[in-house]
Structure formats: C-alpha cells, structure tokens
C-alpha cells in the first residue's frame, strides 16, 4: 500500500502544530512556573533565556512547516473537489470545497495570524519581576494565546473532518 501524499502533508502539518503548540504550553505551564518558583539567580535567568531562545527557533521552523503544509493541504482539497466535478455529469452539484469550509478556514486563519503576531512580538520572553522571581513578559497574553491555540486546533479538526467520505 502506497502512502497517500495528502496523508503525508497532513502529518507534517500536525507535526508543526505539535512542535509549536507543545513547546508553547511547555513554556507556559511548566518551565515558567518552575523557574519562577524562587528568587531569580543569574543561572535561572540564563536557563530561562536560553530555553525561550531555543523555543523561538523551533517554533519559527514549525510555523514555516505549518504554512507550507497548510497551503499544500488546501490546494489538494480543492483538487479533490475539481476531480469530483470532472467525473460528474452535473458539476454544479460538486463545490470545490464543502459548504461552510471557507468560513471556518477564515476564522482559523485569523486565529493563526494572531498567534504568529504573538510569537513575533515576543510576549513569552522572560523578565525579572518586582518580587525578584522570574516571570514572563506578559502572563495574561500567554493565557490568551493558549486559548487561541486550542481554538485553532479545534477548527483544524473541524476542517479535516468536513464532508469526509469513508
């Protein structure tokens, strides 16, 4: 059995999401609280800065992978609609994309663009808080981004399952 190229691109898309969202949630829910549990020493600040820098490099690679695989997945999905039209005697009954797909896709793209902007303005960068502990540049922004990641993942699942044939 040959591997379908669409399955490969879906897996690459999922890998990018896992790297980006997984790294984000690790920093937000594990690394920052652990490093901020006591006074900020030079070593703790250095570890946090290096970890965030490494996360930033990996996440930009993941974002690039998500964009490339996402574009390919959309093109492939439209191609499947086009193929269904060509096989039909009534092509008007076969839209290029399932009904409602573009609305869900548009919302997902707005959420993802918001997450990319969040990444670009470095709101997860560490800083020494007034009480001497290590914290994030913006904890509230981290929570909002966490919710946006969950919404984007849910919308992605909706898109993958829209009008699937078994």
C-alpha atoms as a PDB file:
ATOM      1  CA  UNK A   1       0.000   0.000   0.000  1.00  0.00           C
ATOM      2  CA  UNK A   2       1.438   3.355  -1.052  1.00  0.00           C
ATOM      3  CA  UNK A   3       1.383   6.319   1.268  1.00  0.00           C
ATOM      4  CA  UNK A   4      -1.072   8.924   0.037  1.00  0.00           C
ATOM      5  CA  UNK A   5       0.743  12.269  -0.363  1.00  0.00           C
ATOM      6  CA  UNK A   6      -2.168  14.073   1.327  1.00  0.00           C
ATOM      7  CA  UNK A   7      -1.719  11.927   4.431  1.00  0.00           C
ATOM      8  CA  UNK A   8       1.970  12.813   4.480  1.00  0.00           C
ATOM      9  CA  UNK A   9       1.213  16.551   4.275  1.00  0.00           C
ATOM     10  CA  UNK A  10      -1.466  16.247   6.963  1.00  0.00           C
ATOM     11  CA  UNK A  11       1.073  14.548   9.233  1.00  0.00           C
ATOM     12  CA  UNK A  12       3.655  17.255   8.519  1.00  0.00           C
ATOM     13  CA  UNK A  13       1.026  19.874   9.364  1.00  0.00           C
ATOM     14  CA  UNK A  14       0.233  18.049  12.583  1.00  0.00           C
ATOM     15  CA  UNK A  15       3.946  17.767  13.413  1.00  0.00           C
ATOM     16  CA  UNK A  16       4.316  21.532  13.035  1.00  0.00           C
ATOM     17  CA  UNK A  17       1.316  22.134  15.303  1.00  0.00           C
ATOM     18  CA  UNK A  18       2.673  19.717  17.915  1.00  0.00           C
ATOM     19  CA  UNK A  19       6.091  21.396  17.905  1.00  0.00           C
ATOM     20  CA  UNK A  20       4.711  24.927  18.137  1.00  0.00           C
ATOM     21  CA  UNK A  21       1.772  24.419  20.468  1.00  0.00           C
ATOM     22  CA  UNK A  22       3.527  21.764  22.538  1.00  0.00           C
ATOM     23  CA  UNK A  23       6.566  23.968  23.074  1.00  0.00           C
ATOM     24  CA  UNK A  24       4.355  26.930  23.899  1.00  0.00           C
ATOM     25  CA  UNK A  25       2.375  25.004  26.513  1.00  0.00           C
ATOM     26  CA  UNK A  26       5.584  23.574  27.976  1.00  0.00           C
ATOM     27  CA  UNK A  27       6.998  27.077  28.469  1.00  0.00           C
ATOM     28  CA  UNK A  28       3.721  28.481  29.786  1.00  0.00           C
ATOM     29  CA  UNK A  29       2.689  25.646  32.095  1.00  0.00           C
ATOM     30  CA  UNK A  30       5.958  24.005  33.162  1.00  0.00           C
ATOM     31  CA  UNK A  31       9.144  25.962  32.550  1.00  0.00           C
ATOM     32  CA  UNK A  32       7.987  29.442  33.610  1.00  0.00           C
ATOM     33  CA  UNK A  33       6.307  28.273  36.849  1.00  0.00           C
ATOM     34  CA  UNK A  34       9.266  26.041  37.774  1.00  0.00           C
ATOM     35  CA  UNK A  35      11.852  28.739  37.097  1.00  0.00           C
ATOM     36  CA  UNK A  36       9.755  31.396  38.830  1.00  0.00           C
ATOM     37  CA  UNK A  37       9.205  29.360  41.987  1.00  0.00           C
ATOM     38  CA  UNK A  38      12.048  31.107  43.816  1.00  0.00           C
ATOM     39  CA  UNK A  39      14.327  34.119  43.516  1.00  0.00           C
ATOM     40  CA  UNK A  40      15.888  34.823  40.136  1.00  0.00           C
ATOM     41  CA  UNK A  41      19.532  33.862  40.250  1.00  0.00           C
ATOM     42  CA  UNK A  42      21.860  34.533  37.359  1.00  0.00           C
ATOM     43  CA  UNK A  43      21.767  30.815  36.480  1.00  0.00           C
ATOM     44  CA  UNK A  44      17.962  30.667  36.479  1.00  0.00           C
ATOM     45  CA  UNK A  45      17.666  33.750  34.281  1.00  0.00           C
ATOM     46  CA  UNK A  46      20.291  32.325  31.893  1.00  0.00           C
ATOM     47  CA  UNK A  47      18.499  28.949  31.663  1.00  0.00           C
ATOM     48  CA  UNK A  48      15.144  30.631  31.042  1.00  0.00           C
ATOM     49  CA  UNK A  49      16.578  32.926  28.363  1.00  0.00           C
ATOM     50  CA  UNK A  50      18.309  30.024  26.591  1.00  0.00           C
ATOM     51  CA  UNK A  51      15.182  27.858  26.754  1.00  0.00           C
ATOM     52  CA  UNK A  52      12.991  30.629  25.332  1.00  0.00           C
ATOM     53  CA  UNK A  53      15.550  31.327  22.579  1.00  0.00           C
ATOM     54  CA  UNK A  54      15.586  27.625  21.635  1.00  0.00           C
ATOM     55  CA  UNK A  55      11.773  27.507  21.698  1.00  0.00           C
ATOM     56  CA  UNK A  56      11.669  30.585  19.455  1.00  0.00           C
ATOM     57  CA  UNK A  57      13.966  28.961  16.835  1.00  0.00           C
ATOM     58  CA  UNK A  58      11.997  25.711  16.827  1.00  0.00           C
ATOM     59  CA  UNK A  59       8.655  27.486  16.738  1.00  0.00           C
ATOM     60  CA  UNK A  60       9.581  29.560  13.668  1.00  0.00           C
ATOM     61  CA  UNK A  61      10.565  26.343  11.885  1.00  0.00           C
ATOM     62  CA  UNK A  62       7.245  24.822  12.978  1.00  0.00           C
ATOM     63  CA  UNK A  63       5.342  27.882  11.724  1.00  0.00           C
ATOM     64  CA  UNK A  64       7.051  27.588   8.337  1.00  0.00           C
ATOM     65  CA  UNK A  65       6.172  23.877   8.221  1.00  0.00           C
ATOM     66  CA  UNK A  66       2.550  24.675   9.135  1.00  0.00           C
ATOM     67  CA  UNK A  67       2.279  27.319   6.410  1.00  0.00           C
ATOM     68  CA  UNK A  68       3.824  25.167   3.657  1.00  0.00           C
ATOM     69  CA  UNK A  69       1.849  22.039   4.563  1.00  0.00           C
ATOM     70  CA  UNK A  70      -1.333  24.071   5.072  1.00  0.00           C
ATOM     71  CA  UNK A  71      -1.097  25.608   1.601  1.00  0.00           C
ATOM     72  CA  UNK A  72      -0.470  22.184   0.086  1.00  0.00           C
ATOM     73  CA  UNK A  73      -3.410  20.680   2.022  1.00  0.00           C
ATOM     74  CA  UNK A  74      -5.760  23.429   0.808  1.00  0.00           C
ATOM     75  CA  UNK A  75      -4.617  23.008  -2.808  1.00  0.00           C
ATOM     76  CA  UNK A  76      -5.060  19.236  -2.526  1.00  0.00           C
ATOM     77  CA  UNK A  77      -8.550  19.686  -1.025  1.00  0.00           C
ATOM     78  CA  UNK A  78      -9.576  21.993  -3.886  1.00  0.00           C
ATOM     79  CA  UNK A  79      -8.108  19.493  -6.369  1.00  0.00           C
ATOM     80  CA  UNK A  80     -10.307  16.754  -4.915  1.00  0.00           C
ATOM     81  CA  UNK A  81     -13.355  18.985  -5.458  1.00  0.00           C
ATOM     82  CA  UNK A  82     -12.239  19.666  -9.004  1.00  0.00           C
ATOM     83  CA  UNK A  83     -11.775  15.946  -9.667  1.00  0.00           C
ATOM     84  CA  UNK A  84     -15.303  15.246  -8.396  1.00  0.00           C
ATOM     85  CA  UNK A  85     -16.652  17.933 -10.737  1.00  0.00           C
ATOM     86  CA  UNK A  86     -14.855  16.445 -13.733  1.00  0.00           C
ATOM     87  CA  UNK A  87     -16.304  12.985 -13.078  1.00  0.00           C
ATOM     88  CA  UNK A  88     -19.853  14.290 -12.741  1.00  0.00           C
ATOM     89  CA  UNK A  89     -22.441  14.970 -15.387  1.00  0.00           C
ATOM     90  CA  UNK A  90     -23.723  17.719 -13.061  1.00  0.00           C
ATOM     91  CA  UNK A  91     -20.571  19.567 -11.916  1.00  0.00           C
ATOM     92  CA  UNK A  92     -22.623  22.338 -10.291  1.00  0.00           C
ATOM     93  CA  UNK A  93     -23.577  19.806  -7.594  1.00  0.00           C
ATOM     94  CA  UNK A  94     -19.934  19.422  -6.550  1.00  0.00           C
ATOM     95  CA  UNK A  95     -18.413  22.514  -4.970  1.00  0.00           C
ATOM     96  CA  UNK A  96     -14.641  22.799  -4.846  1.00  0.00           C
ATOM     97  CA  UNK A  97     -14.835  22.873  -1.042  1.00  0.00           C
ATOM     98  CA  UNK A  98     -17.520  21.626   1.347  1.00  0.00           C
ATOM     99  CA  UNK A  99     -20.210  24.088   2.372  1.00  0.00           C
ATOM    100  CA  UNK A 100     -19.031  26.301   5.222  1.00  0.00           C
ATOM    101  CA  UNK A 101     -15.389  25.328   4.739  1.00  0.00           C
ATOM    102  CA  UNK A 102     -14.179  28.811   3.814  1.00  0.00           C
ATOM    103  CA  UNK A 103     -15.952  30.407   6.790  1.00  0.00           C
ATOM    104  CA  UNK A 104     -14.275  28.022   9.254  1.00  0.00           C
ATOM    105  CA  UNK A 105     -10.989  28.336   7.360  1.00  0.00           C
ATOM    106  CA  UNK A 106     -11.163  32.145   7.501  1.00  0.00           C
ATOM    107  CA  UNK A 107     -11.711  32.137  11.266  1.00  0.00           C
ATOM    108  CA  UNK A 108      -8.852  29.680  11.731  1.00  0.00           C
ATOM    109  CA  UNK A 109      -6.540  31.861   9.647  1.00  0.00           C
ATOM    110  CA  UNK A 110      -7.374  34.926  11.780  1.00  0.00           C
ATOM    111  CA  UNK A 111      -6.554  32.937  14.924  1.00  0.00           C
ATOM    112  CA  UNK A 112      -3.291  31.617  13.447  1.00  0.00           C
ATOM    113  CA  UNK A 113      -2.234  35.097  12.269  1.00  0.00           C
ATOM    114  CA  UNK A 114      -2.903  36.331  15.816  1.00  0.00           C
ATOM    115  CA  UNK A 115      -0.681  33.561  17.173  1.00  0.00           C
ATOM    116  CA  UNK A 116       2.091  34.406  14.704  1.00  0.00           C
ATOM    117  CA  UNK A 117       1.909  38.078  15.751  1.00  0.00           C
ATOM    118  CA  UNK A 118       2.056  36.940  19.393  1.00  0.00           C
ATOM    119  CA  UNK A 119       5.181  34.960  18.529  1.00  0.00           C
ATOM    120  CA  UNK A 120       6.731  37.901  16.675  1.00  0.00           C
ATOM    121  CA  UNK A 121       6.291  40.432  19.496  1.00  0.00           C
ATOM    122  CA  UNK A 122       7.991  38.055  21.957  1.00  0.00           C
ATOM    123  CA  UNK A 123       5.353  38.142  24.693  1.00  0.00           C
ATOM    124  CA  UNK A 124       6.765  34.953  26.224  1.00  0.00           C
ATOM    125  CA  UNK A 125      10.179  36.472  26.858  1.00  0.00           C
ATOM    126  CA  UNK A 126      11.350  36.106  30.467  1.00  0.00           C
ATOM    127  CA  UNK A 127      11.897  39.021  32.818  1.00  0.00           C
ATOM    128  CA  UNK A 128      12.736  39.513  36.483  1.00  0.00           C
ATOM    129  CA  UNK A 129       9.564  40.512  38.341  1.00  0.00           C
ATOM    130  CA  UNK A 130       9.338  43.178  41.059  1.00  0.00           C
ATOM    131  CA  UNK A 131       9.428  40.499  43.774  1.00  0.00           C
ATOM    132  CA  UNK A 132      12.706  39.094  42.405  1.00  0.00           C
ATOM    133  CA  UNK A 133      11.281  35.969  40.726  1.00  0.00           C
ATOM    134  CA  UNK A 134      11.472  35.121  37.016  1.00  0.00           C
ATOM    135  CA  UNK A 135       8.261  35.601  35.079  1.00  0.00           C
ATOM    136  CA  UNK A 136       7.004  36.075  31.560  1.00  0.00           C
ATOM    137  CA  UNK A 137       6.820  39.431  29.816  1.00  0.00           C
ATOM    138  CA  UNK A 138       3.029  39.081  29.756  1.00  0.00           C
ATOM    139  CA  UNK A 139       1.344  36.230  31.644  1.00  0.00           C
ATOM    140  CA  UNK A 140      -2.162  37.286  30.564  1.00  0.00           C
ATOM    141  CA  UNK A 141      -1.049  37.291  26.934  1.00  0.00           C
ATOM    142  CA  UNK A 142       0.284  33.774  27.406  1.00  0.00           C
ATOM    143  CA  UNK A 143      -3.091  32.599  28.676  1.00  0.00           C
ATOM    144  CA  UNK A 144      -4.918  34.270  25.763  1.00  0.00           C
ATOM    145  CA  UNK A 145      -2.503  32.646  23.308  1.00  0.00           C
ATOM    146  CA  UNK A 146      -3.086  29.265  24.988  1.00  0.00           C
ATOM    147  CA  UNK A 147      -6.822  29.643  24.402  1.00  0.00           C
ATOM    148  CA  UNK A 148      -6.170  30.695  20.795  1.00  0.00           C
ATOM    149  CA  UNK A 149      -4.005  27.605  20.248  1.00  0.00           C
ATOM    150  CA  UNK A 150      -6.852  25.395  21.486  1.00  0.00           C
ATOM    151  CA  UNK A 151      -9.357  27.197  19.224  1.00  0.00           C
ATOM    152  CA  UNK A 152      -7.037  26.864  16.198  1.00  0.00           C
ATOM    153  CA  UNK A 153      -6.556  23.142  16.852  1.00  0.00           C
ATOM    154  CA  UNK A 154     -10.306  22.601  17.223  1.00  0.00           C
ATOM    155  CA  UNK A 155     -11.014  24.496  13.995  1.00  0.00           C
ATOM    156  CA  UNK A 156      -8.314  22.462  12.241  1.00  0.00           C
ATOM    157  CA  UNK A 157     -10.030  19.252  13.338  1.00  0.00           C
ATOM    158  CA  UNK A 158     -13.341  20.600  12.033  1.00  0.00           C
ATOM    159  CA  UNK A 159     -11.752  21.382   8.660  1.00  0.00           C
ATOM    160  CA  UNK A 160     -10.133  17.954   8.356  1.00  0.00           C
ATOM    161  CA  UNK A 161     -13.401  16.173   9.041  1.00  0.00           C
ATOM    162  CA  UNK A 162     -15.701  18.395   6.933  1.00  0.00           C
ATOM    163  CA  UNK A 163     -17.521  16.318   4.366  1.00  0.00           C
ATOM    164  CA  UNK A 164     -15.126  13.364   4.566  1.00  0.00           C
ATOM    165  CA  UNK A 165     -16.045  10.290   2.612  1.00  0.00           C
ATOM    166  CA  UNK A 166     -15.418   6.899   4.201  1.00  0.00           C
END
